[in-house]
Amino acid sequence: MFKSKQPSLSAVQDDLAKLVDDVRALLSVKELDAIPEIRGVRQRIDEGLASAKDSAEQVLQQTRHAAACADQYAKDEPWRIAGAALAVGALVTYVMCRR
């Protein structure tokens, strides 16, 4: 089977933090203040980064909550999880054998 290497959540967070730092460093170059359009671009980018950061944090919190709920459900209802896994396995086996 193919194995795709998924980046870890902390690696994605680190990459996002580095990107934000790089963009902010670029926007802080004072020589660019002489260009009036740059001020507007800086403001829009800064607002966009703040919005993206807030959205990413909300998604992260929702993902953690969903994972915790799924984990708790699996602990509370292990036989339902096992039954569902058995049903899915049987269905996949049936479909593969028909080919």
C-alpha atoms as a PDB file:
ATOM      1  CA  MET A   1       0.000   0.000   0.000  1.00  0.00           C
ATOM      2  CA  PHE A   2       1.003   3.602  -0.426  1.00  0.00           C
ATOM      3  CA  LYS A   3       2.072   5.428   2.668  1.00  0.00           C
ATOM      4  CA  SER A   4       1.849   9.188   2.622  1.00  0.00           C
ATOM      5  CA  LYS A   5       3.855  11.005   5.211  1.00  0.00           C
ATOM      6  CA  GLN A   6       1.541  13.484   6.867  1.00  0.00           C
ATOM      7  CA  PRO A   7       3.187  16.374   8.693  1.00  0.00           C
ATOM      8  CA  SER A   8       2.501  16.475  12.398  1.00  0.00           C
ATOM      9  CA  LEU A   9       0.255  19.136  13.850  1.00  0.00           C
ATOM     10  CA  SER A  10       3.173  20.769  15.650  1.00  0.00           C
ATOM     11  CA  ALA A  11       5.179  20.892  12.405  1.00  0.00           C
ATOM     12  CA  VAL A  12       2.290  22.633  10.645  1.00  0.00           C
ATOM     13  CA  GLN A  13       1.962  25.077  13.526  1.00  0.00           C
ATOM     14  CA  ASP A  14       5.701  25.785  13.427  1.00  0.00           C
ATOM     15  CA  ASP A  15       5.610  26.353   9.668  1.00  0.00           C
ATOM     16  CA  LEU A  16       2.654  28.713  10.000  1.00  0.00           C
ATOM     17  CA  ALA A  17       4.392  30.640  12.783  1.00  0.00           C
ATOM     18  CA  LYS A  18       7.549  30.978  10.656  1.00  0.00           C
ATOM     19  CA  LEU A  19       5.500  32.209   7.699  1.00  0.00           C
ATOM     20  CA  VAL A  20       3.756  34.808   9.835  1.00  0.00           C
ATOM     21  CA  ASP A  21       7.100  35.951  11.273  1.00  0.00           C
ATOM     22  CA  ASP A  22       8.610  36.237   7.779  1.00  0.00           C
ATOM     23  CA  VAL A  23       5.682  38.281   6.464  1.00  0.00           C
ATOM     24  CA  ARG A  24       5.753  40.566   9.491  1.00  0.00           C
ATOM     25  CA  ALA A  25       9.519  41.048   9.094  1.00  0.00           C
ATOM     26  CA  LEU A  26       9.000  41.967   5.452  1.00  0.00           C
ATOM     27  CA  LEU A  27       6.241  44.395   6.358  1.00  0.00           C
ATOM     28  CA  SER A  28       8.379  46.078   9.019  1.00  0.00           C
ATOM     29  CA  VAL A  29      11.001  47.330   6.532  1.00  0.00           C
ATOM     30  CA  LYS A  30      10.889  51.095   7.052  1.00  0.00           C
ATOM     31  CA  GLU A  31      12.132  51.952   3.562  1.00  0.00           C
ATOM     32  CA  LEU A  32       8.782  50.805   2.198  1.00  0.00           C
ATOM     33  CA  ASP A  33       6.956  53.557   4.144  1.00  0.00           C
ATOM     34  CA  ALA A  34       7.766  55.998   1.342  1.00  0.00           C
ATOM     35  CA  ILE A  35       5.300  54.175  -0.918  1.00  0.00           C
ATOM     36  CA  PRO A  36       1.706  55.107   0.022  1.00  0.00           C
ATOM     37  CA  GLU A  37       0.183  51.933  -1.420  1.00  0.00           C
ATOM     38  CA  ILE A  38       2.392  49.811   0.830  1.00  0.00           C
ATOM     39  CA  ARG A  39       0.665  51.152   3.954  1.00  0.00           C
ATOM     40  CA  GLY A  40      -2.697  49.884   2.712  1.00  0.00           C
ATOM     41  CA  VAL A  41      -1.211  46.561   1.683  1.00  0.00           C
ATOM     42  CA  ARG A  42       0.458  46.221   5.090  1.00  0.00           C
ATOM     43  CA  GLN A  43      -2.796  46.884   6.881  1.00  0.00           C
ATOM     44  CA  ARG A  44      -4.764  44.388   4.763  1.00  0.00           C
ATOM     45  CA  ILE A  45      -2.090  41.717   5.149  1.00  0.00           C
ATOM     46  CA  ASP A  46      -1.871  42.297   8.895  1.00  0.00           C
ATOM     47  CA  GLU A  47      -5.657  42.022   9.222  1.00  0.00           C
ATOM     48  CA  GLY A  48      -5.646  38.907   7.042  1.00  0.00           C
ATOM     49  CA  LEU A  49      -2.906  37.292   9.125  1.00  0.00           C
ATOM     50  CA  ALA A  50      -4.766  38.050  12.333  1.00  0.00           C
ATOM     51  CA  SER A  51      -7.960  36.603  10.886  1.00  0.00           C
ATOM     52  CA  ALA A  52      -6.155  33.499   9.597  1.00  0.00           C
ATOM     53  CA  LYS A  53      -4.491  32.968  12.966  1.00  0.00           C
ATOM     54  CA  ASP A  54      -7.840  33.241  14.774  1.00  0.00           C
ATOM     55  CA  SER A  55      -9.443  30.829  12.314  1.00  0.00           C
ATOM     56  CA  ALA A  56      -6.583  28.346  12.656  1.00  0.00           C
ATOM     57  CA  GLU A  57      -6.855  28.457  16.441  1.00  0.00           C
ATOM     58  CA  GLN A  58     -10.621  27.841  16.266  1.00  0.00           C
ATOM     59  CA  VAL A  59     -10.138  24.896  13.907  1.00  0.00           C
ATOM     60  CA  LEU A  60      -7.460  23.486  16.193  1.00  0.00           C
ATOM     61  CA  GLN A  61      -9.745  23.747  19.224  1.00  0.00           C
ATOM     62  CA  GLN A  62     -12.641  22.136  17.351  1.00  0.00           C
ATOM     63  CA  THR A  63     -10.389  19.330  16.120  1.00  0.00           C
ATOM     64  CA  ARG A  64      -9.100  18.639  19.610  1.00  0.00           C
ATOM     65  CA  HIS A  65     -12.650  18.632  20.965  1.00  0.00           C
ATOM     66  CA  ALA A  66     -13.839  16.229  18.248  1.00  0.00           C
ATOM     67  CA  ALA A  67     -10.880  13.911  18.891  1.00  0.00           C
ATOM     68  CA  ALA A  68     -11.578  13.942  22.626  1.00  0.00           C
ATOM     69  CA  CYS A  69     -15.268  13.165  22.002  1.00  0.00           C
ATOM     70  CA  ALA A  70     -14.404  10.311  19.632  1.00  0.00           C
ATOM     71  CA  ASP A  71     -11.907   8.921  22.128  1.00  0.00           C
ATOM     72  CA  GLN A  72     -14.445   9.088  24.947  1.00  0.00           C
ATOM     73  CA  TYR A  73     -17.109   7.411  22.765  1.00  0.00           C
ATOM     74  CA  ALA A  74     -14.688   4.614  21.885  1.00  0.00           C
ATOM     75  CA  LYS A  75     -13.980   4.089  25.586  1.00  0.00           C
ATOM     76  CA  ASP A  76     -17.676   4.183  26.517  1.00  0.00           C
ATOM     77  CA  GLU A  77     -18.904   1.984  23.645  1.00  0.00           C
ATOM     78  CA  PRO A  78     -16.093  -0.429  22.674  1.00  0.00           C
ATOM     79  CA  TRP A  79     -18.463  -3.112  21.353  1.00  0.00           C
ATOM     80  CA  ARG A  80     -20.185  -0.693  19.001  1.00  0.00           C
ATOM     81  CA  ILE A  81     -16.804   0.368  17.624  1.00  0.00           C
ATOM     82  CA  ALA A  82     -15.763  -3.271  17.211  1.00  0.00           C
ATOM     83  CA  GLY A  83     -19.082  -4.096  15.522  1.00  0.00           C
ATOM     84  CA  ALA A  84     -18.783  -1.165  13.152  1.00  0.00           C
ATOM     85  CA  ALA A  85     -15.211  -2.151  12.279  1.00  0.00           C
ATOM     86  CA  LEU A  86     -16.352  -5.728  11.661  1.00  0.00           C
ATOM     87  CA  ALA A  87     -19.199  -4.544   9.421  1.00  0.00           C
ATOM     88  CA  VAL A  88     -16.911  -2.290   7.396  1.00  0.00           C
ATOM     89  CA  GLY A  89     -14.335  -5.064   7.082  1.00  0.00           C
ATOM     90  CA  ALA A  90     -16.976  -7.526   5.900  1.00  0.00           C
ATOM     91  CA  LEU A  91     -18.323  -5.036   3.365  1.00  0.00           C
ATOM     92  CA  VAL A  92     -14.848  -4.317   1.982  1.00  0.00           C
ATOM     93  CA  THR A  93     -14.105  -8.046   1.774  1.00  0.00           C
ATOM     94  CA  TYR A  94     -17.391  -8.685  -0.038  1.00  0.00           C
ATOM     95  CA  VAL A  95     -16.754  -5.914  -2.551  1.00  0.00           C
ATOM     96  CA  MET A  96     -13.189  -7.065  -3.195  1.00  0.00           C
ATOM     97  CA  CYS A  97     -14.224 -10.698  -3.648  1.00  0.00           C
ATOM     98  CA  ARG A  98     -16.889  -9.785  -6.222  1.00  0.00           C
ATOM     99  CA  ARG A  99     -14.247  -8.334  -8.534  1.00  0.00           C
END
